[in-house]
Amino acid sequence: MKTMLGRHFYQFYKGSKDLFQIVIPFIQMGLENREACLWVVSSSVGLLEAVQALRQQFDLEPYLDSGQLLILPAEEWYLDRGKFSERRVLGKLEKFVEDKKHRGFPSYRGVGDLGWLEMGDWLNFQSYEEKIHKWLQDLQMTAVCAYPIHRCSLGQAQDILGRHDRVFLAQR
């Protein structure tokens, strides 16, 4: 799974298995390339399940201990009192990049699982997607936004297609 820095990908997934088929190799490749990696996992997938899936593929501890890999609950990362906060997320991303830069990591990779996204936050989140698209290019950071397909309408799928560079598809 070769990626280019500064790219903004999306993935539609049906369940954890679909998500993990893309995310685990994406994260593993970033770690092997000495990129700082961030995985923001929704409660619909489960933080424990995500960590266990990674551990089945490789030894996580050195990456967690060195700070190269950070895995967080999406609701904690994206929400402020139950609502999406663009300013808060952009601030956290800036802190993440600054911290990793000081630790000597040359580039960055992130996965955002959007299983938490509610209809009431959709428009604000799509505004954020437009801003983050440019920000990723400027920072040379590669990201995957993972959307649960069963929660996306046709119009929402079109919004997603228009705000990302490419799709990641799992091998069947």
N, C-alpha and C. Protein backbone atom coordinates (compact mmCIF):
# COMPACT_ATOMS: atom_id res chain seq x y z
N MET A 1 0.84 -1.18 0.00
CA MET A 1 0.00 0.00 0.00
C MET A 1 0.89 1.24 0.00
N LYS A 2 1.22 1.72 -1.16
CA LYS A 2 2.08 2.89 -1.30
C LYS A 2 1.22 4.16 -1.30
N THR A 3 1.60 5.15 -0.52
CA THR A 3 0.87 6.41 -0.50
C THR A 3 1.82 7.56 -0.76
N MET A 4 1.24 8.70 -1.08
CA MET A 4 2.03 9.90 -1.31
C MET A 4 1.73 10.89 -0.19
N LEU A 5 2.78 11.56 0.26
CA LEU A 5 2.60 12.55 1.32
C LEU A 5 1.68 13.67 0.85
N GLY A 6 0.89 14.17 1.79
CA GLY A 6 -0.01 15.27 1.48
C GLY A 6 -1.33 14.85 0.89
N ARG A 7 -1.60 13.55 0.83
CA ARG A 7 -2.84 13.06 0.23
C ARG A 7 -3.92 12.87 1.29
N HIS A 8 -5.15 13.02 0.84
CA HIS A 8 -6.34 12.95 1.70
C HIS A 8 -7.27 11.90 1.11
N PHE A 9 -7.27 10.71 1.70
CA PHE A 9 -8.04 9.59 1.21
C PHE A 9 -9.33 9.41 2.02
N TYR A 10 -10.24 8.65 1.47
CA TYR A 10 -11.42 8.25 2.23
C TYR A 10 -11.62 6.76 2.05
N GLN A 11 -12.37 6.20 2.98
CA GLN A 11 -12.73 4.80 2.93
C GLN A 11 -14.16 4.68 3.43
N PHE A 12 -14.99 3.94 2.73
CA PHE A 12 -16.30 3.55 3.25
C PHE A 12 -16.14 2.15 3.81
N TYR A 13 -16.69 1.93 4.99
CA TYR A 13 -16.59 0.58 5.57
C TYR A 13 -17.94 0.13 6.10
N LYS A 14 -18.13 -1.19 6.10
CA LYS A 14 -19.36 -1.79 6.61
C LYS A 14 -19.23 -2.21 8.06
N GLY A 15 -18.05 -2.59 8.47
CA GLY A 15 -17.81 -3.05 9.83
C GLY A 15 -16.33 -3.00 10.14
N SER A 16 -15.98 -3.45 11.32
CA SER A 16 -14.58 -3.41 11.77
C SER A 16 -13.64 -4.12 10.81
N LYS A 17 -14.05 -5.26 10.29
CA LYS A 17 -13.19 -6.02 9.39
C LYS A 17 -12.81 -5.19 8.16
N ASP A 18 -13.79 -4.53 7.55
CA ASP A 18 -13.52 -3.66 6.40
C ASP A 18 -12.56 -2.55 6.77
N LEU A 19 -12.82 -1.93 7.90
CA LEU A 19 -11.98 -0.81 8.36
C LEU A 19 -10.55 -1.28 8.57
N PHE A 20 -10.39 -2.39 9.27
CA PHE A 20 -9.05 -2.89 9.60
C PHE A 20 -8.26 -3.31 8.36
N GLN A 21 -8.94 -3.79 7.31
CA GLN A 21 -8.23 -4.20 6.08
C GLN A 21 -7.46 -3.04 5.45
N ILE A 22 -7.93 -1.83 5.64
CA ILE A 22 -7.25 -0.65 5.10
C ILE A 22 -6.36 -0.01 6.16
N VAL A 23 -6.92 0.20 7.32
CA VAL A 23 -6.23 1.00 8.34
C VAL A 23 -4.96 0.32 8.87
N ILE A 24 -5.01 -0.96 9.15
CA ILE A 24 -3.84 -1.61 9.75
C ILE A 24 -2.62 -1.56 8.82
N PRO A 25 -2.74 -1.93 7.54
CA PRO A 25 -1.57 -1.79 6.66
C PRO A 25 -1.14 -0.32 6.50
N PHE A 26 -2.09 0.59 6.47
CA PHE A 26 -1.79 2.02 6.34
C PHE A 26 -0.96 2.51 7.53
N ILE A 27 -1.38 2.14 8.73
CA ILE A 27 -0.64 2.52 9.95
C ILE A 27 0.71 1.81 9.98
N GLN A 28 0.72 0.52 9.70
CA GLN A 28 1.96 -0.25 9.76
C GLN A 28 3.00 0.31 8.78
N MET A 29 2.57 0.68 7.58
CA MET A 29 3.50 1.24 6.61
C MET A 29 4.06 2.58 7.11
N GLY A 30 3.20 3.38 7.72
CA GLY A 30 3.68 4.65 8.28
C GLY A 30 4.71 4.44 9.37
N LEU A 31 4.47 3.49 10.24
CA LEU A 31 5.42 3.20 11.31
C LEU A 31 6.75 2.72 10.74
N GLU A 32 6.68 1.84 9.75
CA GLU A 32 7.90 1.34 9.12
C GLU A 32 8.68 2.45 8.41
N ASN A 33 7.96 3.47 7.93
CA ASN A 33 8.60 4.61 7.24
C ASN A 33 9.00 5.72 8.21
N ARG A 34 8.91 5.42 9.50
CA ARG A 34 9.26 6.36 10.57
C ARG A 34 8.38 7.62 10.59
N GLU A 35 7.14 7.45 10.17
CA GLU A 35 6.16 8.53 10.25
C GLU A 35 5.46 8.45 11.60
N ALA A 36 5.14 9.60 12.16
CA ALA A 36 4.31 9.64 13.36
C ALA A 36 2.88 9.35 12.93
N CYS A 37 2.21 8.43 13.64
CA CYS A 37 0.88 7.98 13.25
C CYS A 37 -0.14 8.25 14.34
N LEU A 38 -1.31 8.66 13.90
CA LEU A 38 -2.45 8.94 14.78
C LEU A 38 -3.64 8.16 14.25
N TRP A 39 -4.29 7.40 15.14
CA TRP A 39 -5.53 6.70 14.77
C TRP A 39 -6.59 7.12 15.77
N VAL A 40 -7.62 7.78 15.26
CA VAL A 40 -8.74 8.23 16.07
C VAL A 40 -9.89 7.27 15.79
N VAL A 41 -10.25 6.47 16.80
CA VAL A 41 -11.18 5.33 16.65
C VAL A 41 -12.54 5.65 17.28
N SER A 42 -13.61 5.43 16.53
CA SER A 42 -14.95 5.69 17.07
C SER A 42 -15.38 4.56 18.01
N SER A 43 -16.34 4.88 18.87
CA SER A 43 -16.85 3.88 19.80
C SER A 43 -17.60 2.77 19.06
N SER A 44 -18.08 3.06 17.85
CA SER A 44 -18.78 2.01 17.08
C SER A 44 -17.81 0.89 16.68
N VAL A 45 -16.53 1.20 16.57
CA VAL A 45 -15.51 0.19 16.28
C VAL A 45 -14.91 -0.30 17.60
N GLY A 46 -14.57 0.62 18.47
CA GLY A 46 -14.02 0.28 19.78
C GLY A 46 -12.51 0.38 19.83
N LEU A 47 -12.03 1.15 20.78
CA LEU A 47 -10.61 1.37 20.96
C LEU A 47 -9.89 0.05 21.27
N LEU A 48 -10.45 -0.74 22.16
CA LEU A 48 -9.83 -2.02 22.54
C LEU A 48 -9.75 -2.96 21.33
N GLU A 49 -10.81 -3.04 20.55
CA GLU A 49 -10.81 -3.89 19.37
C GLU A 49 -9.75 -3.43 18.36
N ALA A 50 -9.61 -2.12 18.19
CA ALA A 50 -8.61 -1.58 17.26
C ALA A 50 -7.19 -1.93 17.73
N VAL A 51 -6.93 -1.75 19.01
CA VAL A 51 -5.60 -2.06 19.56
C VAL A 51 -5.31 -3.55 19.41
N GLN A 52 -6.29 -4.39 19.71
CA GLN A 52 -6.10 -5.83 19.57
C GLN A 52 -5.82 -6.22 18.12
N ALA A 53 -6.51 -5.59 17.18
CA ALA A 53 -6.30 -5.89 15.77
C ALA A 53 -4.87 -5.51 15.34
N LEU A 54 -4.38 -4.38 15.81
CA LEU A 54 -3.00 -3.99 15.53
C LEU A 54 -2.01 -4.98 16.14
N ARG A 55 -2.27 -5.38 17.39
CA ARG A 55 -1.36 -6.30 18.09
C ARG A 55 -1.28 -7.65 17.40
N GLN A 56 -2.32 -8.04 16.70
CA GLN A 56 -2.29 -9.30 15.96
C GLN A 56 -1.34 -9.24 14.77
N GLN A 57 -1.01 -8.03 14.32
CA GLN A 57 -0.16 -7.85 13.14
C GLN A 57 1.30 -7.56 13.48
N PHE A 58 1.53 -6.84 14.58
CA PHE A 58 2.89 -6.47 14.94
C PHE A 58 2.95 -6.03 16.40
N ASP A 59 4.17 -5.91 16.91
CA ASP A 59 4.41 -5.49 18.29
C ASP A 59 4.20 -3.99 18.41
N LEU A 60 3.16 -3.60 19.09
CA LEU A 60 2.79 -2.18 19.23
C LEU A 60 3.64 -1.41 20.24
N GLU A 61 4.08 -2.10 21.27
CA GLU A 61 4.68 -1.42 22.41
C GLU A 61 5.82 -0.45 22.06
N PRO A 62 6.77 -0.83 21.21
CA PRO A 62 7.85 0.13 20.91
C PRO A 62 7.33 1.43 20.29
N TYR A 63 6.28 1.32 19.47
CA TYR A 63 5.73 2.50 18.80
C TYR A 63 4.93 3.37 19.78
N LEU A 64 4.20 2.72 20.67
CA LEU A 64 3.46 3.47 21.68
C LEU A 64 4.42 4.13 22.67
N ASP A 65 5.43 3.37 23.11
CA ASP A 65 6.40 3.89 24.08
C ASP A 65 7.19 5.07 23.54
N SER A 66 7.54 5.02 22.26
CA SER A 66 8.34 6.10 21.66
C SER A 66 7.50 7.32 21.29
N GLY A 67 6.17 7.17 21.34
CA GLY A 67 5.29 8.26 20.94
C GLY A 67 5.07 8.33 19.44
N GLN A 68 5.59 7.36 18.70
CA GLN A 68 5.39 7.36 17.25
C GLN A 68 3.94 7.05 16.89
N LEU A 69 3.25 6.30 17.75
CA LEU A 69 1.86 5.93 17.48
C LEU A 69 0.99 6.41 18.63
N LEU A 70 -0.09 7.08 18.26
CA LEU A 70 -1.08 7.56 19.22
C LEU A 70 -2.44 7.06 18.77
N ILE A 71 -3.15 6.35 19.65
CA ILE A 71 -4.49 5.83 19.36
C ILE A 71 -5.44 6.42 20.40
N LEU A 72 -6.48 7.10 19.92
CA LEU A 72 -7.39 7.81 20.82
C LEU A 72 -8.85 7.56 20.45
N PRO A 73 -9.75 7.72 21.42
CA PRO A 73 -11.18 7.63 21.10
C PRO A 73 -11.63 8.85 20.28
N ALA A 74 -12.37 8.61 19.22
CA ALA A 74 -12.83 9.69 18.33
C ALA A 74 -13.69 10.70 19.07
N GLU A 75 -14.52 10.22 19.96
CA GLU A 75 -15.42 11.13 20.66
C GLU A 75 -14.64 12.11 21.53
N GLU A 76 -13.51 11.67 22.05
CA GLU A 76 -12.64 12.55 22.84
C GLU A 76 -11.90 13.54 21.95
N TRP A 77 -11.50 13.09 20.78
CA TRP A 77 -10.72 13.91 19.85
C TRP A 77 -11.57 14.97 19.16
N TYR A 78 -12.73 14.56 18.64
CA TYR A 78 -13.55 15.44 17.80
C TYR A 78 -14.60 16.26 18.53
N LEU A 79 -15.07 15.79 19.66
CA LEU A 79 -16.24 16.42 20.28
C LEU A 79 -15.89 17.24 21.52
N ASP A 80 -16.62 18.33 21.67
CA ASP A 80 -16.55 19.17 22.85
C ASP A 80 -17.98 19.30 23.37
N ARG A 81 -18.24 18.70 24.52
CA ARG A 81 -19.60 18.66 25.10
C ARG A 81 -20.61 18.09 24.11
N GLY A 82 -20.19 17.02 23.42
CA GLY A 82 -21.08 16.30 22.53
C GLY A 82 -21.24 16.87 21.14
N LYS A 83 -20.58 17.98 20.83
CA LYS A 83 -20.68 18.60 19.51
C LYS A 83 -19.30 18.69 18.87
N PHE A 84 -19.28 18.57 17.55
CA PHE A 84 -18.02 18.70 16.82
C PHE A 84 -17.48 20.12 16.97
N SER A 85 -16.17 20.20 17.25
CA SER A 85 -15.50 21.49 17.40
C SER A 85 -14.30 21.56 16.47
N GLU A 86 -14.49 22.24 15.34
CA GLU A 86 -13.42 22.37 14.35
C GLU A 86 -12.18 23.02 14.96
N ARG A 87 -12.37 24.08 15.70
CA ARG A 87 -11.24 24.80 16.30
C ARG A 87 -10.46 23.89 17.25
N ARG A 88 -11.18 23.12 18.02
CA ARG A 88 -10.54 22.20 18.97
C ARG A 88 -9.71 21.13 18.24
N VAL A 89 -10.28 20.55 17.19
CA VAL A 89 -9.59 19.50 16.45
C VAL A 89 -8.36 20.05 15.73
N LEU A 90 -8.50 21.20 15.09
CA LEU A 90 -7.35 21.80 14.41
C LEU A 90 -6.24 22.12 15.41
N GLY A 91 -6.62 22.59 16.59
CA GLY A 91 -5.63 22.84 17.65
C GLY A 91 -4.93 21.57 18.08
N LYS A 92 -5.68 20.49 18.23
CA LYS A 92 -5.08 19.20 18.61
C LYS A 92 -4.14 18.68 17.52
N LEU A 93 -4.54 18.85 16.28
CA LEU A 93 -3.68 18.41 15.18
C LEU A 93 -2.38 19.21 15.15
N GLU A 94 -2.48 20.50 15.36
CA GLU A 94 -1.27 21.32 15.39
C GLU A 94 -0.34 20.89 16.53
N LYS A 95 -0.91 20.59 17.70
CA LYS A 95 -0.10 20.12 18.83
C LYS A 95 0.52 18.76 18.52
N PHE A 96 -0.24 17.87 17.89
CA PHE A 96 0.28 16.55 17.51
C PHE A 96 1.50 16.71 16.61
N VAL A 97 1.36 17.51 15.55
CA VAL A 97 2.44 17.70 14.60
C VAL A 97 3.65 18.35 15.27
N GLU A 98 3.41 19.37 16.07
CA GLU A 98 4.52 20.05 16.75
C GLU A 98 5.27 19.10 17.68
N ASP A 99 4.53 18.31 18.45
CA ASP A 99 5.15 17.33 19.35
C ASP A 99 5.97 16.31 18.57
N LYS A 100 5.40 15.79 17.50
CA LYS A 100 6.09 14.75 16.73
C LYS A 100 7.30 15.33 16.00
N LYS A 101 7.19 16.57 15.56
CA LYS A 101 8.33 17.23 14.93
C LYS A 101 9.49 17.35 15.92
N HIS A 102 9.18 17.74 17.17
CA HIS A 102 10.21 17.85 18.20
C HIS A 102 10.81 16.49 18.57
N ARG A 103 10.06 15.42 18.37
CA ARG A 103 10.57 14.07 18.64
C ARG A 103 11.35 13.50 17.47
N GLY A 104 11.43 14.27 16.39
CA GLY A 104 12.26 13.86 15.26
C GLY A 104 11.57 13.08 14.16
N PHE A 105 10.24 13.06 14.16
CA PHE A 105 9.53 12.34 13.10
C PHE A 105 9.38 13.27 11.89
N PRO A 106 9.82 12.82 10.71
CA PRO A 106 9.86 13.69 9.54
C PRO A 106 8.51 13.92 8.84
N SER A 107 7.60 12.99 9.02
CA SER A 107 6.29 13.13 8.37
C SER A 107 5.23 12.45 9.22
N TYR A 108 3.97 12.61 8.78
CA TYR A 108 2.84 12.25 9.64
C TYR A 108 1.78 11.53 8.82
N ARG A 109 1.01 10.73 9.55
CA ARG A 109 -0.03 9.93 8.94
C ARG A 109 -1.16 9.82 9.95
N GLY A 110 -2.40 9.93 9.49
CA GLY A 110 -3.51 9.84 10.41
C GLY A 110 -4.72 9.15 9.82
N VAL A 111 -5.51 8.56 10.72
CA VAL A 111 -6.78 7.94 10.34
C VAL A 111 -7.84 8.48 11.28
N GLY A 112 -8.91 8.99 10.69
CA GLY A 112 -10.06 9.43 11.47
C GLY A 112 -11.25 8.56 11.16
N ASP A 113 -11.75 7.85 12.16
CA ASP A 113 -12.94 7.00 12.02
C ASP A 113 -14.14 7.87 12.35
N LEU A 114 -15.03 8.07 11.36
CA LEU A 114 -16.15 8.98 11.52
C LEU A 114 -17.44 8.29 11.95
N GLY A 115 -17.32 7.17 12.64
CA GLY A 115 -18.49 6.47 13.14
C GLY A 115 -19.29 7.27 14.17
N TRP A 116 -18.70 8.29 14.74
CA TRP A 116 -19.34 9.15 15.73
C TRP A 116 -20.18 10.26 15.10
N LEU A 117 -19.95 10.57 13.81
CA LEU A 117 -20.51 11.76 13.17
C LEU A 117 -22.03 11.68 13.05
N GLU A 118 -22.69 12.67 13.62
CA GLU A 118 -24.15 12.75 13.59
C GLU A 118 -24.59 13.75 12.53
N MET A 119 -25.80 13.62 12.05
CA MET A 119 -26.35 14.50 11.01
C MET A 119 -26.23 15.97 11.40
N GLY A 120 -26.44 16.30 12.67
CA GLY A 120 -26.38 17.69 13.12
C GLY A 120 -25.00 18.31 13.00
N ASP A 121 -23.96 17.49 12.92
CA ASP A 121 -22.59 17.99 12.78
C ASP A 121 -22.08 17.92 11.34
N TRP A 122 -22.90 17.40 10.42
CA TRP A 122 -22.44 17.12 9.06
C TRP A 122 -21.87 18.35 8.36
N LEU A 123 -22.62 19.45 8.30
CA LEU A 123 -22.17 20.63 7.56
C LEU A 123 -20.90 21.21 8.17
N ASN A 124 -20.83 21.29 9.49
CA ASN A 124 -19.62 21.80 10.14
C ASN A 124 -18.44 20.89 9.85
N PHE A 125 -18.68 19.59 9.85
CA PHE A 125 -17.59 18.66 9.60
C PHE A 125 -17.11 18.76 8.15
N GLN A 126 -18.00 18.96 7.22
CA GLN A 126 -17.58 19.08 5.82
C GLN A 126 -16.78 20.36 5.59
N SER A 127 -17.10 21.41 6.33
CA SER A 127 -16.29 22.63 6.29
C SER A 127 -14.88 22.33 6.79
N TYR A 128 -14.80 21.56 7.86
CA TYR A 128 -13.50 21.12 8.41
C TYR A 128 -12.74 20.28 7.38
N GLU A 129 -13.45 19.38 6.69
CA GLU A 129 -12.81 18.53 5.67
C GLU A 129 -12.15 19.39 4.59
N GLU A 130 -12.80 20.47 4.18
CA GLU A 130 -12.21 21.35 3.17
C GLU A 130 -10.93 22.00 3.70
N LYS A 131 -10.96 22.45 4.95
CA LYS A 131 -9.77 23.09 5.54
C LYS A 131 -8.65 22.09 5.75
N ILE A 132 -8.99 20.92 6.22
CA ILE A 132 -7.97 19.92 6.52
C ILE A 132 -7.31 19.42 5.23
N HIS A 133 -8.06 19.41 4.15
CA HIS A 133 -7.51 18.99 2.86
C HIS A 133 -6.30 19.86 2.49
N LYS A 134 -6.43 21.15 2.59
CA LYS A 134 -5.33 22.08 2.28
C LYS A 134 -4.21 21.93 3.32
N TRP A 135 -4.59 21.81 4.56
CA TRP A 135 -3.62 21.69 5.66
C TRP A 135 -2.76 20.45 5.48
N LEU A 136 -3.35 19.34 5.08
CA LEU A 136 -2.61 18.10 4.86
C LEU A 136 -1.57 18.27 3.75
N GLN A 137 -1.96 18.96 2.70
CA GLN A 137 -1.02 19.20 1.60
C GLN A 137 0.15 20.06 2.08
N ASP A 138 -0.16 21.10 2.83
CA ASP A 138 0.89 22.00 3.32
C ASP A 138 1.88 21.27 4.25
N LEU A 139 1.36 20.37 5.08
CA LEU A 139 2.20 19.66 6.04
C LEU A 139 2.83 18.39 5.49
N GLN A 140 2.41 17.99 4.32
CA GLN A 140 2.86 16.71 3.77
C GLN A 140 2.46 15.56 4.70
N MET A 141 1.24 15.65 5.21
CA MET A 141 0.67 14.60 6.06
C MET A 141 -0.33 13.81 5.22
N THR A 142 -0.35 12.50 5.38
CA THR A 142 -1.28 11.64 4.67
C THR A 142 -2.37 11.21 5.64
N ALA A 143 -3.62 11.26 5.17
CA ALA A 143 -4.73 10.92 6.06
C ALA A 143 -5.79 10.09 5.34
N VAL A 144 -6.46 9.26 6.13
CA VAL A 144 -7.62 8.50 5.67
C VAL A 144 -8.79 8.86 6.58
N CYS A 145 -9.89 9.28 5.97
CA CYS A 145 -11.14 9.50 6.69
C CYS A 145 -12.02 8.28 6.41
N ALA A 146 -12.39 7.57 7.46
CA ALA A 146 -13.15 6.33 7.31
C ALA A 146 -14.60 6.56 7.73
N TYR A 147 -15.50 6.39 6.78
CA TYR A 147 -16.92 6.63 7.00
C TYR A 147 -17.69 5.31 6.99
N PRO A 148 -18.53 5.06 7.99
CA PRO A 148 -19.39 3.86 7.94
C PRO A 148 -20.46 4.07 6.87
N ILE A 149 -20.43 3.26 5.85
CA ILE A 149 -21.29 3.44 4.67
C ILE A 149 -22.78 3.38 5.03
N HIS A 150 -23.14 2.58 6.00
CA HIS A 150 -24.56 2.44 6.36
C HIS A 150 -25.13 3.71 6.98
N ARG A 151 -24.27 4.66 7.32
CA ARG A 151 -24.74 5.91 7.91
C ARG A 151 -24.66 7.09 6.94
N CYS A 152 -24.30 6.82 5.68
CA CYS A 152 -24.14 7.89 4.69
C CYS A 152 -25.25 7.85 3.66
N SER A 153 -25.87 9.01 3.44
CA SER A 153 -26.85 9.13 2.37
C SER A 153 -26.11 9.33 1.05
N LEU A 154 -26.83 9.30 -0.05
CA LEU A 154 -26.22 9.53 -1.35
C LEU A 154 -25.58 10.93 -1.39
N GLY A 155 -26.28 11.93 -0.89
CA GLY A 155 -25.74 13.29 -0.87
C GLY A 155 -24.49 13.39 -0.02
N GLN A 156 -24.46 12.72 1.11
CA GLN A 156 -23.28 12.72 1.96
C GLN A 156 -22.11 12.02 1.27
N ALA A 157 -22.38 10.92 0.60
CA ALA A 157 -21.33 10.23 -0.14
C ALA A 157 -20.74 11.15 -1.21
N GLN A 158 -21.58 11.93 -1.87
CA GLN A 158 -21.09 12.89 -2.87
C GLN A 158 -20.23 13.96 -2.21
N ASP A 159 -20.62 14.44 -1.04
CA ASP A 159 -19.79 15.41 -0.29
C ASP A 159 -18.42 14.82 -0.01
N ILE A 160 -18.40 13.58 0.42
CA ILE A 160 -17.14 12.90 0.77
C ILE A 160 -16.25 12.76 -0.47
N LEU A 161 -16.84 12.32 -1.58
CA LEU A 161 -16.08 12.16 -2.82
C LEU A 161 -15.44 13.48 -3.26
N GLY A 162 -16.15 14.57 -3.07
CA GLY A 162 -15.65 15.87 -3.51
C GLY A 162 -14.59 16.49 -2.63
N ARG A 163 -14.37 15.95 -1.43
CA ARG A 163 -13.43 16.56 -0.49
C ARG A 163 -12.20 15.71 -0.22
N HIS A 164 -12.00 14.69 -1.01
CA HIS A 164 -10.86 13.79 -0.82
C HIS A 164 -10.18 13.52 -2.15
N ASP A 165 -8.89 13.16 -2.10
CA ASP A 165 -8.13 12.89 -3.31
C ASP A 165 -8.49 11.56 -3.96
N ARG A 166 -8.59 10.54 -3.14
CA ARG A 166 -8.79 9.19 -3.65
C ARG A 166 -9.48 8.32 -2.60
N VAL A 167 -9.91 7.15 -3.05
CA VAL A 167 -10.52 6.17 -2.16
C VAL A 167 -9.52 5.04 -1.91
N PHE A 168 -9.57 4.48 -0.71
CA PHE A 168 -8.86 3.24 -0.41
C PHE A 168 -9.90 2.14 -0.42
N LEU A 169 -9.65 1.09 -1.18
CA LEU A 169 -10.53 -0.06 -1.25
C LEU A 169 -9.81 -1.29 -0.73
N ALA A 170 -10.52 -2.09 0.03
CA ALA A 170 -9.93 -3.34 0.55
C ALA A 170 -9.87 -4.37 -0.56
N GLN A 171 -8.88 -5.24 -0.48
CA GLN A 171 -8.77 -6.36 -1.41
C GLN A 171 -9.81 -7.41 -1.05
N ARG A 172 -10.42 -8.02 -2.01
CA ARG A 172 -11.41 -9.08 -1.75
C ARG A 172 -10.87 -10.39 -2.22
